[in-house]
Amino acid sequence: SYNSDDKSFYLETENTSYVFRINDHGHLEKVYYGSLIQRIKNIDDMIPTYHVELGSSTSYDKESKGYMLHYTNLEVSTFGKGDYREPTIHLELPNGSRTIDLKYVSHEVIEFKEYKNMPHVRKKETLVITLEDSVNKIQVLLNYSVYIDEDVIVRNLEIVNQNDEEVILDKALSFNMDMLNKDYVLTKLDGAWIRERHVNDVELTKGTVRFDSKKGVSSSDHNPFFIIKEKTTLEEYGNCFGFALVYSGNFEANLEINSHNYLRANMGINGFD
C-alpha cells in the first residue's frame, strides 16, 4: 500500500513489514524492516537526521547541508553524489561520467510481471517504482513482489538507457539493504565439492566483507545466500534477515559498515571482468 500523506510504501507479509518512503530530495529511503507493525504516525521520527555536515563527508548539495547520502538508508545506491559505500549500480555514461542521481518518478502495480530470458519466481502482483536521472537519461525500474505466507519479499531492478549511445554497466546488483548496525553477525554457507553449505558465522566490523564466485556458476565455494542476525538469535528466538539470489552464475555479495555504524548489504551478478 502507498500512503500519499507521507509518501511511504508498506510491503507486508503475515509477520513482517517493509517500509520505505520518497524523501524530500526525491530519493527512496528505507524506514523499517522487521516484525509486523501498524502504520507509522510520524515517519520523520524513524529517520536518522543530521543538521550539520559530518567531518570528511559530502552533503548532497549546497542547500542541503547535513543531508549526506553516505549516511542515508537508500533503496538503490549509486556513486558520485556523496555515497562512498559499495553501490548497487555503477555505470559509465556516453560522456565518460560515472555519476547518476536517481529520483522517484512514478509507481504502479503490475499483475504477473515476467522478465524475458531471466530467472525469476512466479508472482501475482509486482510493485514497479520508476526512478530516473533526467539529465543523464538513465531510468531504473525497481520491482518488489510480496509472498505473504512465506514472509518473503522478492526484489530486482531493470536499467533503461534512454541515450542514443551505449552505456557501460560496471555493476548492476539485484538489491540493496541499508540499516543501522546492531552488532550483527553474518552467517554464510561455504564449502567445496561434495561438502557444500557449511555454516560459518562472521562478526561484522567497520569495513567491508565480500564473498563471490568468478567460476561461471555460483559454485560450492560460497552459496549466494547469507543471513544477518543478532548475536542472541537462535533457531526459535531472535531477529535475523535472510537474503538469497535467484541466479546461479557469477555473483558477488557485499556487507559494509561505515564510520557511523550504517550497515549496507547488497548482492547480484558479479561486476568483476
Protein backbone atom coordinates (compact mmCIF):
# COMPACT_ATOMS: atom_id res chain seq x y z
CA SER A 1 0.00 0.00 0.00
CA TYR A 2 1.02 3.62 -0.54
CA ASN A 3 0.40 6.46 1.94
CA SER A 4 0.25 9.70 -0.04
CA ASP A 5 0.37 11.83 3.14
CA ASP A 6 4.00 10.96 3.92
CA LYS A 7 4.87 9.31 0.58
CA SER A 8 5.54 5.93 2.17
CA PHE A 9 5.24 2.39 0.82
CA TYR A 10 4.25 -0.58 3.01
CA LEU A 11 5.08 -4.12 1.88
CA GLU A 12 3.53 -6.56 4.36
CA THR A 13 3.70 -10.31 4.79
CA GLU A 14 1.99 -12.35 7.51
CA ASN A 15 4.68 -11.49 10.07
CA THR A 16 6.82 -8.68 8.64
CA SER A 17 6.65 -5.07 7.46
CA TYR A 18 8.98 -3.45 4.94
CA VAL A 19 8.60 0.33 4.84
CA PHE A 20 10.31 2.94 2.70
CA ARG A 21 9.46 6.43 1.54
CA ILE A 22 10.14 9.12 -1.03
CA ASN A 23 12.11 11.72 0.90
CA ASP A 24 12.21 15.48 0.30
CA HIS A 25 15.05 15.09 -2.20
CA GLY A 26 13.21 12.52 -4.32
CA HIS A 27 15.31 9.56 -3.19
CA LEU A 28 13.84 6.29 -1.97
CA GLU A 29 14.78 5.93 1.70
CA LYS A 30 14.29 2.78 3.79
CA VAL A 31 12.42 3.37 7.03
CA TYR A 32 11.89 -0.04 8.62
CA TYR A 33 12.16 -3.78 8.05
CA GLY A 34 11.19 -6.24 10.76
CA SER A 35 8.25 -7.64 12.67
CA LEU A 36 4.77 -6.58 11.53
CA ILE A 37 3.90 -3.06 12.68
CA GLN A 38 0.97 -0.67 12.40
CA ARG A 39 1.11 2.41 10.22
CA ILE A 40 3.75 4.88 11.41
CA LYS A 41 2.14 8.12 12.63
CA ASN A 42 5.18 10.39 12.20
CA ILE A 43 7.64 8.83 9.80
CA ASP A 44 10.27 11.55 10.34
CA ASP A 45 10.78 10.19 13.87
CA MET A 46 12.08 6.95 12.32
CA ILE A 47 14.78 8.60 10.19
CA PRO A 48 18.31 9.38 11.46
CA THR A 49 18.99 13.03 10.58
CA TYR A 50 21.97 15.40 10.83
CA HIS A 51 21.78 19.18 10.98
CA VAL A 52 25.46 19.70 10.22
CA GLU A 53 27.85 18.12 7.75
CA LEU A 54 29.87 15.34 9.38
CA GLY A 55 33.65 15.50 9.07
CA SER A 56 35.14 14.07 5.84
CA SER A 57 31.63 13.83 4.38
CA THR A 58 29.90 15.34 1.37
CA SER A 59 26.48 16.97 1.57
CA TYR A 60 24.08 16.32 -1.28
CA ASP A 61 24.05 19.98 -2.40
CA LYS A 62 24.73 23.48 -1.11
CA GLU A 63 21.14 23.92 0.06
CA SER A 64 21.10 20.62 1.98
CA LYS A 65 23.96 20.76 4.48
CA GLY A 66 23.68 17.67 6.64
CA TYR A 67 21.82 15.56 4.08
CA MET A 68 24.57 13.09 3.18
CA LEU A 69 23.87 10.01 1.07
CA HIS A 70 26.73 8.24 2.85
CA TYR A 71 24.55 8.29 5.98
CA THR A 72 21.16 7.65 4.37
CA ASN A 73 19.40 4.27 4.20
CA LEU A 74 18.78 4.01 0.46
CA GLU A 75 16.73 1.54 -1.57
CA VAL A 76 19.11 1.87 -4.52
CA SER A 77 22.57 3.42 -4.38
CA THR A 78 24.91 4.97 -6.95
CA PHE A 79 28.34 6.56 -6.84
CA GLY A 80 29.25 10.21 -7.30
CA LYS A 81 26.85 12.17 -5.10
CA GLY A 82 28.50 11.62 -1.71
CA ASP A 83 27.76 7.95 -1.03
CA TYR A 84 31.13 6.19 -0.81
CA ARG A 85 29.81 2.74 0.07
CA GLU A 86 29.59 -0.18 -2.36
CA PRO A 87 26.90 0.92 -4.85
CA THR A 88 24.00 -1.04 -6.28
CA ILE A 89 24.60 0.46 -9.74
CA HIS A 90 27.85 1.74 -11.23
CA LEU A 91 27.98 2.67 -14.90
CA GLU A 92 29.77 4.82 -17.45
CA LEU A 93 27.72 7.32 -19.45
CA PRO A 94 28.45 8.19 -23.11
CA ASN A 95 30.30 11.36 -21.99
CA GLY A 96 32.56 9.35 -19.66
CA SER A 97 30.90 10.44 -16.43
CA ARG A 98 30.05 7.82 -13.80
CA THR A 99 27.66 9.96 -11.73
CA ILE A 100 23.91 9.44 -11.82
CA ASP A 101 21.26 10.70 -9.41
CA LEU A 102 18.11 8.55 -9.42
CA LYS A 103 14.89 10.21 -8.24
CA TYR A 104 11.32 9.00 -7.92
CA VAL A 105 9.05 9.48 -10.94
CA SER A 106 6.07 7.15 -10.51
CA HIS A 107 4.85 3.78 -9.30
CA GLU A 108 2.28 1.19 -10.36
CA VAL A 109 1.22 -2.37 -9.57
CA ILE A 110 1.53 -4.86 -12.44
CA GLU A 111 -0.01 -8.34 -12.50
CA PHE A 112 2.07 -11.39 -13.48
CA LYS A 113 5.17 -9.39 -14.44
CA GLU A 114 7.83 -11.50 -16.16
CA TYR A 115 11.43 -10.89 -17.23
CA LYS A 116 12.32 -12.25 -20.64
CA ASN A 117 15.24 -14.74 -20.69
CA MET A 118 15.97 -14.12 -16.99
CA PRO A 119 15.49 -16.41 -13.98
CA HIS A 120 12.61 -15.28 -11.82
CA VAL A 121 9.97 -16.58 -9.44
CA ARG A 122 6.26 -16.74 -10.11
CA LYS A 123 4.35 -13.78 -8.74
CA LYS A 124 0.83 -12.42 -8.83
CA GLU A 125 1.45 -8.72 -8.28
CA THR A 126 4.59 -6.61 -8.59
CA LEU A 127 5.10 -3.06 -7.36
CA VAL A 128 7.12 -1.23 -10.01
CA ILE A 129 8.74 2.05 -8.98
CA THR A 130 10.30 4.19 -11.70
CA LEU A 131 13.41 6.20 -10.80
CA GLU A 132 15.12 8.48 -13.28
CA ASP A 133 18.13 10.70 -13.84
CA SER A 134 16.54 13.00 -16.41
CA VAL A 135 19.80 14.86 -17.14
CA ASN A 136 21.77 11.71 -17.97
CA LYS A 137 18.75 9.86 -19.43
CA ILE A 138 19.00 6.77 -17.23
CA GLN A 139 15.88 5.11 -15.89
CA VAL A 140 15.73 2.37 -13.24
CA LEU A 141 12.67 0.24 -12.52
CA LEU A 142 12.61 -1.20 -9.01
CA ASN A 143 10.44 -4.30 -8.75
CA TYR A 144 9.00 -5.67 -5.49
CA SER A 145 6.83 -8.78 -5.12
CA VAL A 146 5.44 -9.94 -1.77
CA TYR A 147 4.89 -13.55 -0.70
CA ILE A 148 2.58 -13.14 2.28
CA ASP A 149 2.55 -16.68 3.74
CA GLU A 150 6.30 -17.23 3.28
CA ASP A 151 7.38 -13.84 4.78
CA VAL A 152 9.44 -13.23 1.64
CA ILE A 153 9.92 -10.11 -0.48
CA VAL A 154 11.44 -10.55 -3.95
CA ARG A 155 13.36 -7.62 -5.38
CA ASN A 156 15.13 -6.85 -8.63
CA LEU A 157 15.84 -3.89 -10.87
CA GLU A 158 15.87 -3.02 -14.56
CA ILE A 159 18.12 -0.35 -16.08
CA VAL A 160 16.86 1.53 -19.14
CA ASN A 161 19.31 3.54 -21.27
CA GLN A 162 17.45 6.44 -22.88
CA ASN A 163 20.58 7.79 -24.58
CA ASP A 164 21.26 7.30 -28.30
CA GLU A 165 24.73 5.97 -27.42
CA GLU A 166 25.71 2.92 -25.38
CA VAL A 167 26.19 2.93 -21.63
CA ILE A 168 28.74 0.62 -19.96
CA LEU A 169 27.44 -1.28 -16.92
CA ASP A 170 30.26 -1.99 -14.46
CA LYS A 171 27.94 -3.11 -11.67
CA ALA A 172 24.22 -3.87 -11.55
CA LEU A 173 23.21 -5.68 -8.38
CA SER A 174 19.75 -7.04 -7.66
CA PHE A 175 19.03 -5.39 -4.31
CA ASN A 176 20.37 -3.00 -1.71
CA MET A 177 19.61 -3.21 2.02
CA ASP A 178 20.70 -0.36 4.29
CA MET A 179 20.11 -0.44 8.05
CA LEU A 180 21.69 0.70 11.30
CA ASN A 181 24.11 -1.92 12.62
CA LYS A 182 23.15 -3.63 15.89
CA ASP A 183 26.35 -5.65 16.31
CA TYR A 184 25.04 -8.09 13.75
CA VAL A 185 26.68 -11.39 12.88
CA LEU A 186 26.97 -12.61 9.30
CA THR A 187 26.08 -16.24 8.65
CA LYS A 188 27.21 -17.57 5.28
CA LEU A 189 27.43 -21.00 3.66
CA ASP A 190 30.89 -22.07 2.45
CA GLY A 191 32.44 -25.34 1.35
CA ALA A 192 33.88 -27.31 -1.54
CA TRP A 193 32.79 -30.00 -3.99
CA ILE A 194 30.59 -32.67 -2.30
CA ARG A 195 30.81 -30.85 1.04
CA GLU A 196 28.77 -27.74 0.31
CA ARG A 197 26.99 -25.27 2.54
CA HIS A 198 28.91 -25.42 5.81
CA VAL A 199 27.61 -22.78 8.22
CA ASN A 200 30.15 -20.08 9.10
CA ASP A 201 29.48 -17.14 11.43
CA VAL A 202 31.50 -13.95 10.92
CA GLU A 203 31.30 -10.96 13.27
CA LEU A 204 30.88 -7.78 11.29
CA THR A 205 33.04 -4.75 11.99
CA LYS A 206 33.91 -1.48 10.27
CA GLY A 207 34.85 -2.02 6.63
CA THR A 208 33.70 -4.50 4.00
CA VAL A 209 33.15 -8.25 3.95
CA ARG A 210 32.81 -9.67 0.44
CA PHE A 211 32.36 -13.15 -1.00
CA ASP A 212 31.72 -14.11 -4.60
CA SER A 213 32.15 -16.52 -7.49
CA LYS A 214 34.10 -15.95 -10.69
CA LYS A 215 33.69 -19.55 -11.94
CA GLY A 216 30.72 -19.01 -14.24
CA VAL A 217 28.46 -20.75 -11.71
CA SER A 218 27.58 -19.83 -8.14
CA SER A 219 29.80 -22.82 -7.14
CA SER A 220 30.15 -24.86 -3.99
CA ASP A 221 32.77 -22.45 -2.58
CA HIS A 222 30.25 -19.84 -1.44
CA ASN A 223 26.48 -20.08 -1.66
CA PRO A 224 24.64 -16.95 -2.93
CA PHE A 225 22.76 -16.76 0.37
CA PHE A 226 23.51 -15.14 3.70
CA ILE A 227 21.91 -14.18 7.00
CA ILE A 228 22.34 -11.07 9.13
CA LYS A 229 21.39 -11.87 12.72
CA GLU A 230 21.63 -10.57 16.26
CA LYS A 231 24.21 -12.27 18.47
CA THR A 232 21.48 -13.73 20.70
CA THR A 233 19.49 -15.23 17.80
CA LEU A 234 18.85 -18.98 17.96
CA GLU A 235 16.63 -21.36 15.96
CA GLU A 236 13.47 -20.26 17.77
CA TYR A 237 14.36 -16.86 19.18
CA GLY A 238 15.76 -13.55 17.95
CA ASN A 239 15.83 -11.42 14.84
CA CYS A 240 17.53 -12.33 11.58
CA PHE A 241 17.32 -11.31 7.93
CA GLY A 242 17.96 -13.80 5.13
CA PHE A 243 19.00 -12.92 1.56
CA ALA A 244 19.08 -15.31 -1.40
CA LEU A 245 19.91 -14.61 -5.04
CA VAL A 246 17.64 -16.22 -7.65
CA TYR A 247 20.53 -16.74 -10.08
CA SER A 248 23.17 -19.46 -10.41
CA GLY A 249 26.08 -17.77 -12.19
CA ASN A 250 28.88 -15.44 -11.13
CA PHE A 251 27.73 -13.41 -8.14
CA GLU A 252 29.02 -11.02 -5.51
CA ALA A 253 27.79 -10.25 -2.00
CA ASN A 254 28.98 -7.21 -0.08
CA LEU A 255 28.42 -6.23 3.55
CA GLU A 256 29.83 -2.91 4.67
CA ILE A 257 29.73 -0.89 7.90
CA ASN A 258 30.73 2.75 7.61
CA SER A 259 32.16 5.17 10.17
CA HIS A 260 28.80 5.98 11.79
CA ASN A 261 27.61 2.37 12.02
CA TYR A 262 25.37 2.20 8.95
CA LEU A 263 25.26 -1.33 7.57
CA ARG A 264 24.84 -1.94 3.83
CA ALA A 265 24.25 -5.35 2.27
CA ASN A 266 23.83 -5.99 -1.45
CA MET A 267 24.17 -8.89 -3.85
CA GLY A 268 23.81 -9.64 -7.55
CA ILE A 269 25.66 -10.56 -10.72
CA ASN A 270 29.41 -10.20 -10.18
CA GLY A 271 30.79 -6.92 -11.53
CA PHE A 272 34.27 -8.44 -11.90
CA ASP A 273 35.54 -8.74 -15.51
